[in-house]
């Protein structure tokens, strides 16, 4: 018979750690929403061009939007830190993981 054990842990962070946790969550949400907005904008361009093609204003839809590129977005996080310096205060792995979560969704 196989016995499964579970462990329950609780952490008690101090005030400085609570602040860092909240910053990390907020910055991860910012990066996720930033790249989600870029993808939605790219999709909107494709739909606009497709509608113009159906109305006869354009001969064909040559807009190549492509899918979300996870590796390109992870590299773009570095450039994003130059424009938004508050992203430098948190761990870069958490920001990269939010990009991976977006790619998985």
PDB file of N, CA and C in Angstrom:
ATOM      1  N   UNK A   1       0.847  -1.184   0.000  1.00  0.00           N
ATOM      2  CA  UNK A   1       0.000   0.000   0.000  1.00  0.00           C
ATOM      3  C   UNK A   1       0.886   1.238   0.000  1.00  0.00           C
ATOM      4  N   UNK A   2       0.530   2.177  -0.834  1.00  0.00           N
ATOM      5  CA  UNK A   2       1.296   3.411  -0.977  1.00  0.00           C
ATOM      6  C   UNK A   2       0.701   4.495  -0.091  1.00  0.00           C
ATOM      7  N   UNK A   3       1.525   5.052   0.766  1.00  0.00           N
ATOM      8  CA  UNK A   3       1.068   6.087   1.682  1.00  0.00           C
ATOM      9  C   UNK A   3       1.580   7.435   1.164  1.00  0.00           C
ATOM     10  N   UNK A   4       0.687   8.370   1.016  1.00  0.00           N
ATOM     11  CA  UNK A   4       1.058   9.704   0.559  1.00  0.00           C
ATOM     12  C   UNK A   4       1.101  10.647   1.754  1.00  0.00           C
ATOM     13  N   UNK A   5       2.156  11.437   1.800  1.00  0.00           N
ATOM     14  CA  UNK A   5       2.293  12.412   2.870  1.00  0.00           C
ATOM     15  C   UNK A   5       2.233  13.813   2.283  1.00  0.00           C
ATOM     16  N   UNK A   6       1.698  14.702   3.043  1.00  0.00           N
ATOM     17  CA  UNK A   6       1.683  16.106   2.638  1.00  0.00           C
ATOM     18  C   UNK A   6       2.276  16.943   3.760  1.00  0.00           C
ATOM     19  N   UNK A   7       2.845  18.033   3.362  1.00  0.00           N
ATOM     20  CA  UNK A   7       3.399  18.985   4.315  1.00  0.00           C
ATOM     21  C   UNK A   7       2.780  20.341   4.055  1.00  0.00           C
ATOM     22  N   UNK A   8       2.493  21.022   5.098  1.00  0.00           N
ATOM     23  CA  UNK A   8       1.907  22.347   4.985  1.00  0.00           C
ATOM     24  C   UNK A   8       2.876  23.340   5.606  1.00  0.00           C
ATOM     25  N   UNK A   9       3.229  24.364   4.825  1.00  0.00           N
ATOM     26  CA  UNK A   9       4.165  25.379   5.294  1.00  0.00           C
ATOM     27  C   UNK A   9       3.489  26.739   5.283  1.00  0.00           C
ATOM     28  N   UNK A  10       3.941  27.564   6.170  1.00  0.00           N
ATOM     29  CA  UNK A  10       3.466  28.942   6.201  1.00  0.00           C
ATOM     30  C   UNK A  10       4.676  29.832   6.417  1.00  0.00           C
ATOM     31  N   UNK A  11       4.750  30.885   5.616  1.00  0.00           N
ATOM     32  CA  UNK A  11       5.875  31.805   5.752  1.00  0.00           C
ATOM     33  C   UNK A  11       5.412  33.061   6.466  1.00  0.00           C
ATOM     34  N   UNK A  12       6.315  33.672   7.153  1.00  0.00           N
ATOM     35  CA  UNK A  12       6.038  34.912   7.846  1.00  0.00           C
ATOM     36  C   UNK A  12       7.054  35.956   7.383  1.00  0.00           C
ATOM     37  N   UNK A  13       6.790  36.587   6.227  1.00  0.00           N
ATOM     38  CA  UNK A  13       7.760  37.566   5.723  1.00  0.00           C
ATOM     39  C   UNK A  13       7.705  38.860   6.547  1.00  0.00           C
ATOM     40  N   UNK A  14       8.858  39.520   6.593  1.00  0.00           N
ATOM     41  CA  UNK A  14       8.874  40.822   7.264  1.00  0.00           C
ATOM     42  C   UNK A  14       8.377  41.879   6.284  1.00  0.00           C
ATOM     43  N   UNK A  15       8.352  43.128   6.711  1.00  0.00           N
ATOM     44  CA  UNK A  15       7.762  44.197   5.912  1.00  0.00           C
ATOM     45  C   UNK A  15       8.517  44.403   4.597  1.00  0.00           C
ATOM     46  N   UNK A  16       9.830  44.301   4.626  1.00  0.00           N
ATOM     47  CA  UNK A  16      10.640  44.493   3.423  1.00  0.00           C
ATOM     48  C   UNK A  16      10.384  43.368   2.409  1.00  0.00           C
ATOM     49  N   UNK A  17      10.239  42.145   2.897  1.00  0.00           N
ATOM     50  CA  UNK A  17       9.968  41.018   2.020  1.00  0.00           C
ATOM     51  C   UNK A  17       8.566  41.102   1.425  1.00  0.00           C
ATOM     52  N   UNK A  18       7.618  41.579   2.203  1.00  0.00           N
ATOM     53  CA  UNK A  18       6.254  41.765   1.696  1.00  0.00           C
ATOM     54  C   UNK A  18       6.258  42.777   0.560  1.00  0.00           C
ATOM     55  N   UNK A  19       7.006  43.840   0.726  1.00  0.00           N
ATOM     56  CA  UNK A  19       7.094  44.872  -0.307  1.00  0.00           C
ATOM     57  C   UNK A  19       7.724  44.306  -1.585  1.00  0.00           C
ATOM     58  N   UNK A  20       8.765  43.499  -1.448  1.00  0.00           N
ATOM     59  CA  UNK A  20       9.407  42.902  -2.616  1.00  0.00           C
ATOM     60  C   UNK A  20       8.488  41.895  -3.312  1.00  0.00           C
ATOM     61  N   UNK A  21       7.732  41.134  -2.542  1.00  0.00           N
ATOM     62  CA  UNK A  21       6.779  40.192  -3.127  1.00  0.00           C
ATOM     63  C   UNK A  21       5.719  40.937  -3.924  1.00  0.00           C
ATOM     64  N   UNK A  22       5.191  42.018  -3.360  1.00  0.00           N
ATOM     65  CA  UNK A  22       4.173  42.802  -4.060  1.00  0.00           C
ATOM     66  C   UNK A  22       4.732  43.454  -5.320  1.00  0.00           C
ATOM     67  N   UNK A  23       5.980  43.949  -5.261  1.00  0.00           N
ATOM     68  CA  UNK A  23       6.609  44.522  -6.456  1.00  0.00           C
ATOM     69  C   UNK A  23       6.778  43.473  -7.543  1.00  0.00           C
ATOM     70  N   UNK A  24       7.193  42.281  -7.148  1.00  0.00           N
ATOM     71  CA  UNK A  24       7.407  41.207  -8.117  1.00  0.00           C
ATOM     72  C   UNK A  24       6.104  40.812  -8.799  1.00  0.00           C
ATOM     73  N   UNK A  25       5.060  40.690  -8.025  1.00  0.00           N
ATOM     74  CA  UNK A  25       3.755  40.337  -8.605  1.00  0.00           C
ATOM     75  C   UNK A  25       3.266  41.438  -9.535  1.00  0.00           C
ATOM     76  N   UNK A  26       3.415  42.689  -9.122  1.00  0.00           N
ATOM     77  CA  UNK A  26       2.970  43.805  -9.952  1.00  0.00           C
ATOM     78  C   UNK A  26       3.754  43.921 -11.247  1.00  0.00           C
ATOM     79  N   UNK A  27       5.065  43.749 -11.182  1.00  0.00           N
ATOM     80  CA  UNK A  27       5.892  43.842 -12.391  1.00  0.00           C
ATOM     81  C   UNK A  27       5.626  42.675 -13.324  1.00  0.00           C
ATOM     82  N   UNK A  28       5.389  41.498 -12.784  1.00  0.00           N
ATOM     83  CA  UNK A  28       5.055  40.349 -13.625  1.00  0.00           C
ATOM     84  C   UNK A  28       3.730  40.582 -14.341  1.00  0.00           C
ATOM     85  N   UNK A  29       2.772  41.148 -13.632  1.00  0.00           N
ATOM     86  CA  UNK A  29       1.484  41.459 -14.255  1.00  0.00           C
ATOM     87  C   UNK A  29       1.652  42.528 -15.335  1.00  0.00           C
ATOM     88  N   UNK A  30       2.523  43.524 -15.089  1.00  0.00           N
ATOM     89  CA  UNK A  30       2.775  44.576 -16.069  1.00  0.00           C
ATOM     90  C   UNK A  30       3.372  43.994 -17.351  1.00  0.00           C
ATOM     91  N   UNK A  31       4.372  43.115 -17.218  1.00  0.00           N
ATOM     92  CA  UNK A  31       5.021  42.515 -18.387  1.00  0.00           C
ATOM     93  C   UNK A  31       4.030  41.635 -19.155  1.00  0.00           C
ATOM     94  N   UNK A  32       3.232  40.854 -18.443  1.00  0.00           N
ATOM     95  CA  UNK A  32       2.226  40.006 -19.080  1.00  0.00           C
ATOM     96  C   UNK A  32       1.255  40.854 -19.890  1.00  0.00           C
ATOM     97  N   UNK A  33       0.721  41.908 -19.277  1.00  0.00           N
ATOM     98  CA  UNK A  33      -0.250  42.758 -19.965  1.00  0.00           C
ATOM     99  C   UNK A  33       0.387  43.545 -21.106  1.00  0.00           C
ATOM    100  N   UNK A  34       1.660  43.917 -20.980  1.00  0.00           N
ATOM    101  CA  UNK A  34       2.347  44.653 -22.037  1.00  0.00           C
ATOM    102  C   UNK A  34       2.437  43.806 -23.306  1.00  0.00           C
ATOM    103  N   UNK A  35       2.915  42.581 -23.169  1.00  0.00           N
ATOM    104  CA  UNK A  35       3.057  41.724 -24.348  1.00  0.00           C
ATOM    105  C   UNK A  35       1.715  41.221 -24.855  1.00  0.00           C
ATOM    106  N   UNK A  36       0.735  41.069 -23.976  1.00  0.00           N
ATOM    107  CA  UNK A  36      -0.609  40.718 -24.418  1.00  0.00           C
ATOM    108  C   UNK A  36      -1.196  41.853 -25.263  1.00  0.00           C
ATOM    109  N   UNK A  37      -0.971  43.086 -24.860  1.00  0.00           N
ATOM    110  CA  UNK A  37      -1.435  44.236 -25.633  1.00  0.00           C
ATOM    111  C   UNK A  37      -0.764  44.318 -26.993  1.00  0.00           C
ATOM    112  N   UNK A  38       0.524  44.020 -27.049  1.00  0.00           N
ATOM    113  CA  UNK A  38       1.226  44.018 -28.330  1.00  0.00           C
ATOM    114  C   UNK A  38       0.657  42.954 -29.264  1.00  0.00           C
ATOM    115  N   UNK A  39       0.343  41.789 -28.720  1.00  0.00           N
ATOM    116  CA  UNK A  39      -0.217  40.721 -29.550  1.00  0.00           C
ATOM    117  C   UNK A  39      -1.619  41.082 -30.024  1.00  0.00           C
ATOM    118  N   UNK A  40      -2.417  41.680 -29.164  1.00  0.00           N
ATOM    119  CA  UNK A  40      -3.760  42.090 -29.562  1.00  0.00           C
ATOM    120  C   UNK A  40      -3.711  43.167 -30.641  1.00  0.00           C
ATOM    121  N   UNK A  41      -2.741  44.071 -30.546  1.00  0.00           N
ATOM    122  CA  UNK A  41      -2.580  45.113 -31.557  1.00  0.00           C
ATOM    123  C   UNK A  41      -2.193  44.489 -32.897  1.00  0.00           C
ATOM    124  N   UNK A  42      -1.316  43.504 -32.869  1.00  0.00           N
ATOM    125  CA  UNK A  42      -0.909  42.822 -34.097  1.00  0.00           C
ATOM    126  C   UNK A  42      -2.101  42.103 -34.732  1.00  0.00           C
ATOM    127  N   UNK A  43      -2.920  41.457 -33.892  1.00  0.00           N
ATOM    128  CA  UNK A  43      -4.108  40.778 -34.405  1.00  0.00           C
ATOM    129  C   UNK A  43      -5.117  41.768 -34.969  1.00  0.00           C
ATOM    130  N   UNK A  44      -5.235  42.932 -34.341  1.00  0.00           N
ATOM    131  CA  UNK A  44      -6.174  43.949 -34.827  1.00  0.00           C
ATOM    132  C   UNK A  44      -5.765  44.448 -36.211  1.00  0.00           C
ATOM    133  N   UNK A  45      -4.470  44.619 -36.462  1.00  0.00           N
ATOM    134  CA  UNK A  45      -4.009  45.035 -37.789  1.00  0.00           C
ATOM    135  C   UNK A  45      -4.403  44.004 -38.842  1.00  0.00           C
ATOM    136  N   UNK A  46      -4.257  42.724 -38.498  1.00  0.00           N
ATOM    137  CA  UNK A  46      -4.609  41.688 -39.457  1.00  0.00           C
ATOM    138  C   UNK A  46      -6.098  41.746 -39.784  1.00  0.00           C
ATOM    139  N   UNK A  47      -6.955  41.926 -38.783  1.00  0.00           N
ATOM    140  CA  UNK A  47      -8.397  41.978 -39.020  1.00  0.00           C
ATOM    141  C   UNK A  47      -8.779  43.207 -39.836  1.00  0.00           C
ATOM    142  N   UNK A  48      -8.106  44.332 -39.620  1.00  0.00           N
ATOM    143  CA  UNK A  48      -8.394  45.543 -40.399  1.00  0.00           C
ATOM    144  C   UNK A  48      -8.047  45.321 -41.864  1.00  0.00           C
ATOM    145  N   UNK A  49      -6.877  44.756 -42.115  1.00  0.00           N
ATOM    146  CA  UNK A  49      -6.459  44.506 -43.493  1.00  0.00           C
ATOM    147  C   UNK A  49      -7.357  43.456 -44.141  1.00  0.00           C
ATOM    148  N   UNK A  50      -7.763  42.453 -43.391  1.00  0.00           N
ATOM    149  CA  UNK A  50      -8.663  41.434 -43.932  1.00  0.00           C
ATOM    150  C   UNK A  50     -10.008  42.038 -44.308  1.00  0.00           C
ATOM    151  N   UNK A  51     -10.515  42.949 -43.487  1.00  0.00           N
ATOM    152  CA  UNK A  51     -11.782  43.609 -43.795  1.00  0.00           C
ATOM    153  C   UNK A  51     -11.657  44.488 -45.033  1.00  0.00           C
ATOM    154  N   UNK A  52     -10.516  45.168 -45.168  1.00  0.00           N
ATOM    155  CA  UNK A  52     -10.295  45.987 -46.364  1.00  0.00           C
ATOM    156  C   UNK A  52     -10.210  45.114 -47.613  1.00  0.00           C
ATOM    157  N   UNK A  53      -9.668  43.926 -47.487  1.00  0.00           N
ATOM    158  CA  UNK A  53      -9.594  42.999 -48.619  1.00  0.00           C
ATOM    159  C   UNK A  53     -10.991  42.532 -49.022  1.00  0.00           C
ATOM    160  N   UNK A  54     -11.822  42.241 -48.027  1.00  0.00           N
ATOM    161  CA  UNK A  54     -13.176  41.777 -48.324  1.00  0.00           C
ATOM    162  C   UNK A  54     -14.038  42.877 -48.933  1.00  0.00           C
ATOM    163  N   UNK A  55     -13.744  44.137 -48.600  1.00  0.00           N
ATOM    164  CA  UNK A  55     -14.487  45.259 -49.170  1.00  0.00           C
ATOM    165  C   UNK A  55     -13.976  45.650 -50.542  1.00  0.00           C
ATOM    166  N   UNK A  56     -12.892  45.047 -50.991  1.00  0.00           N
ATOM    167  CA  UNK A  56     -12.357  45.351 -52.306  1.00  0.00           C
ATOM    168  C   UNK A  56     -11.377  46.510 -52.324  1.00  0.00           C
ATOM    169  N   UNK A  57     -10.976  47.014 -51.185  1.00  0.00           N
ATOM    170  CA  UNK A  57     -10.033  48.125 -51.128  1.00  0.00           C
ATOM    171  C   UNK A  57      -8.602  47.665 -51.327  1.00  0.00           C
ATOM    172  N   UNK A  58      -8.311  46.411 -51.010  1.00  0.00           N
ATOM    173  CA  UNK A  58      -6.975  45.839 -51.192  1.00  0.00           C
ATOM    174  C   UNK A  58      -7.100  44.540 -51.983  1.00  0.00           C
ATOM    175  N   UNK A  59      -6.103  44.244 -52.825  1.00  0.00           N
ATOM    176  CA  UNK A  59      -6.196  42.993 -53.606  1.00  0.00           C
ATOM    177  C   UNK A  59      -5.974  41.739 -52.765  1.00  0.00           C
ATOM    178  N   UNK A  60      -5.109  41.808 -51.746  1.00  0.00           N
ATOM    179  CA  UNK A  60      -4.862  40.637 -50.914  1.00  0.00           C
ATOM    180  C   UNK A  60      -4.387  41.078 -49.532  1.00  0.00           C
ATOM    181  N   UNK A  61      -4.443  40.147 -48.603  1.00  0.00           N
ATOM    182  CA  UNK A  61      -4.003  40.414 -47.238  1.00  0.00           C
ATOM    183  C   UNK A  61      -2.573  39.900 -47.099  1.00  0.00           C
ATOM    184  N   UNK A  62      -1.609  40.799 -47.199  1.00  0.00           N
ATOM    185  CA  UNK A  62      -0.207  40.425 -47.079  1.00  0.00           C
ATOM    186  C   UNK A  62       0.339  40.695 -45.682  1.00  0.00           C
ATOM    187  N   UNK A  63      -0.547  40.995 -44.758  1.00  0.00           N
ATOM    188  CA  UNK A  63      -0.097  41.271 -43.397  1.00  0.00           C
ATOM    189  C   UNK A  63       0.297  39.967 -42.741  1.00  0.00           C
ATOM    190  N   UNK A  64       1.546  39.840 -42.391  1.00  0.00           N
ATOM    191  CA  UNK A  64       2.031  38.622 -41.764  1.00  0.00           C
ATOM    192  C   UNK A  64       2.241  38.899 -40.289  1.00  0.00           C
ATOM    193  N   UNK A  65       1.196  38.732 -39.507  1.00  0.00           N
ATOM    194  CA  UNK A  65       1.291  38.994 -38.086  1.00  0.00           C
ATOM    195  C   UNK A  65       2.076  37.934 -37.331  1.00  0.00           C
ATOM    196  N   UNK A  66       1.857  36.694 -37.663  1.00  0.00           N
ATOM    197  CA  UNK A  66       2.563  35.620 -36.982  1.00  0.00           C
ATOM    198  C   UNK A  66       2.047  35.391 -35.575  1.00  0.00           C
ATOM    199  N   UNK A  67       2.504  34.301 -34.996  1.00  0.00           N
ATOM    200  CA  UNK A  67       2.116  33.962 -33.634  1.00  0.00           C
ATOM    201  C   UNK A  67       3.056  34.624 -32.633  1.00  0.00           C
ATOM    202  N   UNK A  68       2.719  34.501 -31.380  1.00  0.00           N
ATOM    203  CA  UNK A  68       3.526  35.079 -30.315  1.00  0.00           C
ATOM    204  C   UNK A  68       4.845  34.323 -30.216  1.00  0.00           C
ATOM    205  N   UNK A  69       5.948  35.044 -30.289  1.00  0.00           N
ATOM    206  CA  UNK A  69       7.273  34.455 -30.216  1.00  0.00           C
ATOM    207  C   UNK A  69       7.788  34.590 -28.787  1.00  0.00           C
ATOM    208  N   UNK A  70       7.799  33.468 -28.078  1.00  0.00           N
ATOM    209  CA  UNK A  70       8.192  33.487 -26.669  1.00  0.00           C
ATOM    210  C   UNK A  70       9.648  33.899 -26.498  1.00  0.00           C
ATOM    211  N   UNK A  71      10.531  33.390 -27.345  1.00  0.00           N
ATOM    212  CA  UNK A  71      11.955  33.662 -27.194  1.00  0.00           C
ATOM    213  C   UNK A  71      12.288  35.119 -27.531  1.00  0.00           C
ATOM    214  N   UNK A  72      11.609  35.657 -28.515  1.00  0.00           N
ATOM    215  CA  UNK A  72      11.801  37.070 -28.835  1.00  0.00           C
ATOM    216  C   UNK A  72      11.293  37.975 -27.727  1.00  0.00           C
ATOM    217  N   UNK A  73      10.193  37.578 -27.105  1.00  0.00           N
ATOM    218  CA  UNK A  73       9.632  38.376 -26.019  1.00  0.00           C
ATOM    219  C   UNK A  73      10.518  38.328 -24.780  1.00  0.00           C
ATOM    220  N   UNK A  74      11.130  37.176 -24.517  1.00  0.00           N
ATOM    221  CA  UNK A  74      12.028  37.076 -23.366  1.00  0.00           C
ATOM    222  C   UNK A  74      13.238  37.979 -23.571  1.00  0.00           C
ATOM    223  N   UNK A  75      13.731  38.034 -24.804  1.00  0.00           N
ATOM    224  CA  UNK A  75      14.843  38.940 -25.103  1.00  0.00           C
ATOM    225  C   UNK A  75      14.406  40.398 -25.017  1.00  0.00           C
ATOM    226  N   UNK A  76      13.145  40.665 -25.357  1.00  0.00           N
ATOM    227  CA  UNK A  76      12.639  42.038 -25.315  1.00  0.00           C
ATOM    228  C   UNK A  76      12.442  42.543 -23.894  1.00  0.00           C
ATOM    229  N   UNK A  77      12.393  41.641 -22.918  1.00  0.00           N
ATOM    230  CA  UNK A  77      12.253  42.066 -21.524  1.00  0.00           C
ATOM    231  C   UNK A  77      13.459  42.913 -21.121  1.00  0.00           C
ATOM    232  N   UNK A  78      14.640  42.556 -21.635  1.00  0.00           N
ATOM    233  CA  UNK A  78      15.845  43.346 -21.342  1.00  0.00           C
ATOM    234  C   UNK A  78      15.704  44.785 -21.852  1.00  0.00           C
ATOM    235  N   UNK A  79      15.180  44.923 -23.066  1.00  0.00           N
ATOM    236  CA  UNK A  79      14.977  46.262 -23.618  1.00  0.00           C
ATOM    237  C   UNK A  79      13.872  46.998 -22.879  1.00  0.00           C
ATOM    238  N   UNK A  80      12.898  46.259 -22.407  1.00  0.00           N
ATOM    239  CA  UNK A  80      11.791  46.865 -21.674  1.00  0.00           C
ATOM    240  C   UNK A  80      12.275  47.478 -20.370  1.00  0.00           C
ATOM    241  N   UNK A  81      13.311  46.887 -19.775  1.00  0.00           N
ATOM    242  CA  UNK A  81      13.863  47.412 -18.529  1.00  0.00           C
ATOM    243  C   UNK A  81      14.507  48.775 -18.719  1.00  0.00           C
ATOM    244  N   UNK A  82      14.968  49.084 -19.935  1.00  0.00           N
ATOM    245  CA  UNK A  82      15.558  50.400 -20.194  1.00  0.00           C
ATOM    246  C   UNK A  82      14.495  51.492 -20.167  1.00  0.00           C
ATOM    247  N   UNK A  83      13.297  51.177 -20.665  1.00  0.00           N
ATOM    248  CA  UNK A  83      12.220  52.172 -20.703  1.00  0.00           C
ATOM    249  C   UNK A  83      11.471  52.270 -19.376  1.00  0.00           C
ATOM    250  N   UNK A  84      11.414  51.165 -18.662  1.00  0.00           N
ATOM    251  CA  UNK A  84      10.711  51.134 -17.388  1.00  0.00           C
ATOM    252  C   UNK A  84      11.690  50.688 -16.302  1.00  0.00           C
ATOM    253  N   UNK A  85      12.370  51.631 -15.649  1.00  0.00           N
ATOM    254  CA  UNK A  85      13.414  51.258 -14.680  1.00  0.00           C
ATOM    255  C   UNK A  85      12.907  50.517 -13.442  1.00  0.00           C
ATOM    256  N   UNK A  86      11.623  50.591 -13.142  1.00  0.00           N
ATOM    257  CA  UNK A  86      11.124  49.880 -11.962  1.00  0.00           C
ATOM    258  C   UNK A  86      11.166  48.367 -12.167  1.00  0.00           C
ATOM    259  N   UNK A  87      11.311  47.904 -13.418  1.00  0.00           N
ATOM    260  CA  UNK A  87      11.419  46.470 -13.656  1.00  0.00           C
ATOM    261  C   UNK A  87      12.769  45.912 -13.229  1.00  0.00           C
ATOM    262  N   UNK A  88      13.760  46.786 -13.034  1.00  0.00           N
ATOM    263  CA  UNK A  88      15.086  46.346 -12.607  1.00  0.00           C
ATOM    264  C   UNK A  88      15.106  45.970 -11.131  1.00  0.00           C
ATOM    265  N   UNK A  89      14.107  46.376 -10.373  1.00  0.00           N
ATOM    266  CA  UNK A  89      14.085  46.128  -8.936  1.00  0.00           C
ATOM    267  C   UNK A  89      13.700  44.688  -8.585  1.00  0.00           C
ATOM    268  N   UNK A  90      13.106  43.978  -9.529  1.00  0.00           N
ATOM    269  CA  UNK A  90      12.638  42.619  -9.240  1.00  0.00           C
ATOM    270  C   UNK A  90      13.493  41.601  -9.983  1.00  0.00           C
ATOM    271  N   UNK A  91      13.286  40.339  -9.655  1.00  0.00           N
ATOM    272  CA  UNK A  91      14.044  39.254 -10.254  1.00  0.00           C
ATOM    273  C   UNK A  91      13.629  39.066 -11.712  1.00  0.00           C
ATOM    274  N   UNK A  92      14.611  38.897 -12.594  1.00  0.00           N
ATOM    275  CA  UNK A  92      14.319  38.787 -14.025  1.00  0.00           C
ATOM    276  C   UNK A  92      13.651  37.455 -14.369  1.00  0.00           C
ATOM    277  N   UNK A  93      13.880  36.437 -13.569  1.00  0.00           N
ATOM    278  CA  UNK A  93      13.286  35.130 -13.856  1.00  0.00           C
ATOM    279  C   UNK A  93      11.765  35.190 -13.715  1.00  0.00           C
ATOM    280  N   UNK A  94      11.271  35.963 -12.769  1.00  0.00           N
ATOM    281  CA  UNK A  94       9.820  36.084 -12.610  1.00  0.00           C
ATOM    282  C   UNK A  94       9.201  36.798 -13.808  1.00  0.00           C
ATOM    283  N   UNK A  95       9.927  37.777 -14.377  1.00  0.00           N
ATOM    284  CA  UNK A  95       9.425  38.471 -15.562  1.00  0.00           C
ATOM    285  C   UNK A  95       9.429  37.537 -16.769  1.00  0.00           C
ATOM    286  N   UNK A  96      10.470  36.748 -16.896  1.00  0.00           N
ATOM    287  CA  UNK A  96      10.549  35.797 -18.006  1.00  0.00           C
ATOM    288  C   UNK A  96       9.464  34.722 -17.881  1.00  0.00           C
ATOM    289  N   UNK A  97       9.172  34.337 -16.670  1.00  0.00           N
ATOM    290  CA  UNK A  97       8.136  33.327 -16.449  1.00  0.00           C
ATOM    291  C   UNK A  97       6.761  33.865 -16.814  1.00  0.00           C
ATOM    292  N   UNK A  98       6.512  35.155 -16.594  1.00  0.00           N
ATOM    293  CA  UNK A  98       5.225  35.724 -16.988  1.00  0.00           C
ATOM    294  C   UNK A  98       5.078  35.729 -18.503  1.00  0.00           C
ATOM    295  N   UNK A  99       6.201  35.934 -19.236  1.00  0.00           N
ATOM    296  CA  UNK A  99       6.173  35.849 -20.694  1.00  0.00           C
ATOM    297  C   UNK A  99       5.887  34.410 -21.126  1.00  0.00           C
ATOM    298  N   UNK A 100       6.494  33.445 -20.449  1.00  0.00           N
ATOM    299  CA  UNK A 100       6.240  32.036 -20.770  1.00  0.00           C
ATOM    300  C   UNK A 100       4.791  31.657 -20.485  1.00  0.00           C
ATOM    301  N   UNK A 101       4.232  32.195 -19.425  1.00  0.00           N
ATOM    302  CA  UNK A 101       2.819  31.937 -19.112  1.00  0.00           C
ATOM    303  C   UNK A 101       1.914  32.485 -20.205  1.00  0.00           C
ATOM    304  N   UNK A 102       2.268  33.657 -20.743  1.00  0.00           N
ATOM    305  CA  UNK A 102       1.493  34.239 -21.838  1.00  0.00           C
ATOM    306  C   UNK A 102       1.599  33.362 -23.085  1.00  0.00           C
ATOM    307  N   UNK A 103       2.786  32.860 -23.369  1.00  0.00           N
ATOM    308  CA  UNK A 103       2.965  32.004 -24.545  1.00  0.00           C
ATOM    309  C   UNK A 103       2.189  30.698 -24.391  1.00  0.00           C
ATOM    310  N   UNK A 104       2.143  30.182 -23.177  1.00  0.00           N
ATOM    311  CA  UNK A 104       1.397  28.938 -22.950  1.00  0.00           C
ATOM    312  C   UNK A 104      -0.110  29.144 -23.075  1.00  0.00           C
ATOM    313  N   UNK A 105      -0.573  30.331 -22.734  1.00  0.00           N
ATOM    314  CA  UNK A 105      -2.010  30.592 -22.850  1.00  0.00           C
ATOM    315  C   UNK A 105      -2.353  30.941 -24.262  1.00  0.00           C
TER     316      UNK A 105
END
